[in-house]
Amino acid sequence: MKHECPKWKSLGGAKGTTVSKGRVYTMDGGKATGDNSLIA
């Protein structure tokens, strides 16, 4: 698990990846809006 920690930091944090994915989903349909609220 310690090895994955630095990897996530390189990407910009686990939160950054989730937010990025959420944005892509919003463009797809808009259901991500609900997910975004949960992430925020």
PDB file of N, CA and C in Angstrom:
ATOM      1  N   MET A   1       0.836  -1.206   0.000  1.00  0.00           N
ATOM      2  CA  MET A   1       0.000   0.000   0.000  1.00  0.00           C
ATOM      3  C   MET A   1       0.874   1.260   0.000  1.00  0.00           C
ATOM      4  N   LYS A   2       1.987   1.174   0.675  1.00  0.00           N
ATOM      5  CA  LYS A   2       2.870   2.349   0.748  1.00  0.00           C
ATOM      6  C   LYS A   2       3.381   2.712  -0.649  1.00  0.00           C
ATOM      7  N   HIS A   3       3.528   1.698  -1.500  1.00  0.00           N
ATOM      8  CA  HIS A   3       4.013   1.958  -2.858  1.00  0.00           C
ATOM      9  C   HIS A   3       2.980   2.726  -3.674  1.00  0.00           C
ATOM     10  N   GLU A   4       1.696   2.482  -3.385  1.00  0.00           N
ATOM     11  CA  GLU A   4       0.628   3.145  -4.137  1.00  0.00           C
ATOM     12  C   GLU A   4       0.455   4.599  -3.689  1.00  0.00           C
ATOM     13  N   CYS A   5       0.834   4.889  -2.459  1.00  0.00           N
ATOM     14  CA  CYS A   5       0.682   6.254  -1.939  1.00  0.00           C
ATOM     15  C   CYS A   5       1.376   7.270  -2.854  1.00  0.00           C
ATOM     16  N   PRO A   6       2.672   7.110  -3.112  1.00  0.00           N
ATOM     17  CA  PRO A   6       3.390   8.052  -3.984  1.00  0.00           C
ATOM     18  C   PRO A   6       2.805   8.070  -5.390  1.00  0.00           C
ATOM     19  N   LYS A   7       2.311   6.937  -5.845  1.00  0.00           N
ATOM     20  CA  LYS A   7       1.739   6.878  -7.196  1.00  0.00           C
ATOM     21  C   LYS A   7       0.515   7.793  -7.279  1.00  0.00           C
ATOM     22  N   TRP A   8      -0.326   7.762  -6.240  1.00  0.00           N
ATOM     23  CA  TRP A   8      -1.520   8.607  -6.232  1.00  0.00           C
ATOM     24  C   TRP A   8      -1.113  10.074  -6.194  1.00  0.00           C
ATOM     25  N   LYS A   9      -0.063  10.365  -5.433  1.00  0.00           N
ATOM     26  CA  LYS A   9       0.387  11.761  -5.307  1.00  0.00           C
ATOM     27  C   LYS A   9       0.843  12.272  -6.671  1.00  0.00           C
ATOM     28  N   SER A  10       1.463  11.395  -7.462  1.00  0.00           N
ATOM     29  CA  SER A  10       1.943  11.780  -8.788  1.00  0.00           C
ATOM     30  C   SER A  10       0.769  12.191  -9.673  1.00  0.00           C
ATOM     31  N   LEU A  11      -0.339  11.487  -9.523  1.00  0.00           N
ATOM     32  CA  LEU A  11      -1.528  11.779 -10.340  1.00  0.00           C
ATOM     33  C   LEU A  11      -2.216  13.050  -9.857  1.00  0.00           C
ATOM     34  N   GLY A  12      -1.942  13.410  -8.605  1.00  0.00           N
ATOM     35  CA  GLY A  12      -2.567  14.619  -8.069  1.00  0.00           C
ATOM     36  C   GLY A  12      -3.513  14.273  -6.940  1.00  0.00           C
ATOM     37  N   GLY A  13      -3.301  13.120  -6.340  1.00  0.00           N
ATOM     38  CA  GLY A  13      -4.181  12.729  -5.229  1.00  0.00           C
ATOM     39  C   GLY A  13      -5.362  11.915  -5.719  1.00  0.00           C
ATOM     40  N   ALA A  14      -5.803  10.981  -4.909  1.00  0.00           N
ATOM     41  CA  ALA A  14      -6.945  10.131  -5.278  1.00  0.00           C
ATOM     42  C   ALA A  14      -8.168  11.000  -5.568  1.00  0.00           C
ATOM     43  N   LYS A  15      -8.331  12.082  -4.837  1.00  0.00           N
ATOM     44  CA  LYS A  15      -9.490  12.968  -5.035  1.00  0.00           C
ATOM     45  C   LYS A  15      -9.438  13.582  -6.429  1.00  0.00           C
ATOM     46  N   GLY A  16      -8.243  13.932  -6.863  1.00  0.00           N
ATOM     47  CA  GLY A  16      -8.114  14.535  -8.197  1.00  0.00           C
ATOM     48  C   GLY A  16      -8.608  13.589  -9.284  1.00  0.00           C
ATOM     49  N   THR A  17      -8.241  12.304  -9.172  1.00  0.00           N
ATOM     50  CA  THR A  17      -8.652  11.346 -10.191  1.00  0.00           C
ATOM     51  C   THR A  17     -10.164  11.185 -10.174  1.00  0.00           C
ATOM     52  N   THR A  18     -10.747  11.100  -8.994  1.00  0.00           N
ATOM     53  CA  THR A  18     -12.200  10.913  -8.894  1.00  0.00           C
ATOM     54  C   THR A  18     -12.915  12.115  -9.506  1.00  0.00           C
ATOM     55  N   VAL A  19     -12.421  13.306  -9.224  1.00  0.00           N
ATOM     56  CA  VAL A  19     -13.066  14.510  -9.750  1.00  0.00           C
ATOM     57  C   VAL A  19     -12.957  14.515 -11.273  1.00  0.00           C
ATOM     58  N   SER A  20     -11.787  14.147 -11.799  1.00  0.00           N
ATOM     59  CA  SER A  20     -11.588  14.113 -13.247  1.00  0.00           C
ATOM     60  C   SER A  20     -12.587  13.154 -13.885  1.00  0.00           C
ATOM     61  N   LYS A  21     -12.702  11.974 -13.287  1.00  0.00           N
ATOM     62  CA  LYS A  21     -13.640  10.974 -13.817  1.00  0.00           C
ATOM     63  C   LYS A  21     -15.065  11.503 -13.755  1.00  0.00           C
ATOM     64  N   GLY A  22     -15.408  12.178 -12.669  1.00  0.00           N
ATOM     65  CA  GLY A  22     -16.758  12.711 -12.511  1.00  0.00           C
ATOM     66  C   GLY A  22     -17.070  13.718 -13.614  1.00  0.00           C
ATOM     67  N   ARG A  23     -16.110  14.518 -13.958  1.00  0.00           N
ATOM     68  CA  ARG A  23     -16.328  15.538 -14.999  1.00  0.00           C
ATOM     69  C   ARG A  23     -16.624  14.861 -16.331  1.00  0.00           C
ATOM     70  N   VAL A  24     -15.905  13.803 -16.619  1.00  0.00           N
ATOM     71  CA  VAL A  24     -16.111  13.083 -17.881  1.00  0.00           C
ATOM     72  C   VAL A  24     -17.513  12.476 -17.898  1.00  0.00           C
ATOM     73  N   TYR A  25     -17.932  11.976 -16.757  1.00  0.00           N
ATOM     74  CA  TYR A  25     -19.265  11.367 -16.668  1.00  0.00           C
ATOM     75  C   TYR A  25     -20.351  12.425 -16.871  1.00  0.00           C
ATOM     76  N   THR A  26     -20.120  13.604 -16.342  1.00  0.00           N
ATOM     77  CA  THR A  26     -21.121  14.661 -16.477  1.00  0.00           C
ATOM     78  C   THR A  26     -21.335  14.958 -17.960  1.00  0.00           C
ATOM     79  N   MET A  27     -20.274  15.005 -18.730  1.00  0.00           N
ATOM     80  CA  MET A  27     -20.381  15.286 -20.163  1.00  0.00           C
ATOM     81  C   MET A  27     -21.145  14.146 -20.846  1.00  0.00           C
ATOM     82  N   ASP A  28     -20.989  12.939 -20.330  1.00  0.00           N
ATOM     83  CA  ASP A  28     -21.650  11.779 -20.920  1.00  0.00           C
ATOM     84  C   ASP A  28     -23.165  11.878 -20.782  1.00  0.00           C
ATOM     85  N   GLY A  29     -23.612  12.209 -19.564  1.00  0.00           N
ATOM     86  CA  GLY A  29     -25.070  12.250 -19.377  1.00  0.00           C
ATOM     87  C   GLY A  29     -25.477  13.320 -18.387  1.00  0.00           C
ATOM     88  N   GLY A  30     -24.757  13.398 -17.268  1.00  0.00           N
ATOM     89  CA  GLY A  30     -25.115  14.399 -16.262  1.00  0.00           C
ATOM     90  C   GLY A  30     -25.432  13.734 -14.936  1.00  0.00           C
ATOM     91  N   LYS A  31     -25.359  12.406 -14.922  1.00  0.00           N
ATOM     92  CA  LYS A  31     -25.634  11.696 -13.669  1.00  0.00           C
ATOM     93  C   LYS A  31     -24.510  11.956 -12.663  1.00  0.00           C
ATOM     94  N   ALA A  32     -23.352  12.339 -13.159  1.00  0.00           N
ATOM     95  CA  ALA A  32     -22.202  12.578 -12.292  1.00  0.00           C
ATOM     96  C   ALA A  32     -22.481  13.731 -11.329  1.00  0.00           C
ATOM     97  N   THR A  33     -23.428  14.569 -11.646  1.00  0.00           N
ATOM     98  CA  THR A  33     -23.738  15.705 -10.780  1.00  0.00           C
ATOM     99  C   THR A  33     -23.991  15.206  -9.364  1.00  0.00           C
ATOM    100  N   GLY A  34     -24.704  14.103  -9.248  1.00  0.00           N
ATOM    101  CA  GLY A  34     -24.992  13.543  -7.931  1.00  0.00           C
ATOM    102  C   GLY A  34     -23.709  13.022  -7.311  1.00  0.00           C
ATOM    103  N   ASP A  35     -22.856  12.389  -8.135  1.00  0.00           N
ATOM    104  CA  ASP A  35     -21.595  11.860  -7.617  1.00  0.00           C
ATOM    105  C   ASP A  35     -20.698  13.002  -7.162  1.00  0.00           C
ATOM    106  N   ASN A  36     -20.686  14.068  -7.917  1.00  0.00           N
ATOM    107  CA  ASN A  36     -19.865  15.221  -7.570  1.00  0.00           C
ATOM    108  C   ASN A  36     -20.215  15.720  -6.180  1.00  0.00           C
ATOM    109  N   SER A  37     -21.487  15.729  -5.861  1.00  0.00           N
ATOM    110  CA  SER A  37     -21.935  16.200  -4.548  1.00  0.00           C
ATOM    111  C   SER A  37     -21.356  15.305  -3.460  1.00  0.00           C
ATOM    112  N   LEU A  38     -21.329  14.013  -3.732  1.00  0.00           N
ATOM    113  CA  LEU A  38     -20.811  13.066  -2.743  1.00  0.00           C
ATOM    114  C   LEU A  38     -19.311  13.275  -2.573  1.00  0.00           C
ATOM    115  N   ILE A  39     -18.612  13.512  -3.689  1.00  0.00           N
ATOM    116  CA  ILE A  39     -17.159  13.698  -3.631  1.00  0.00           C
ATOM    117  C   ILE A  39     -16.837  14.995  -2.886  1.00  0.00           C
ATOM    118  N   ALA A  40     -17.609  16.051  -3.186  1.00  0.00           N
ATOM    119  CA  ALA A  40     -17.353  17.352  -2.568  1.00  0.00           C
ATOM    120  C   ALA A  40     -17.666  17.244  -1.090  1.00  0.00           C
TER     121      ALA A  40
END
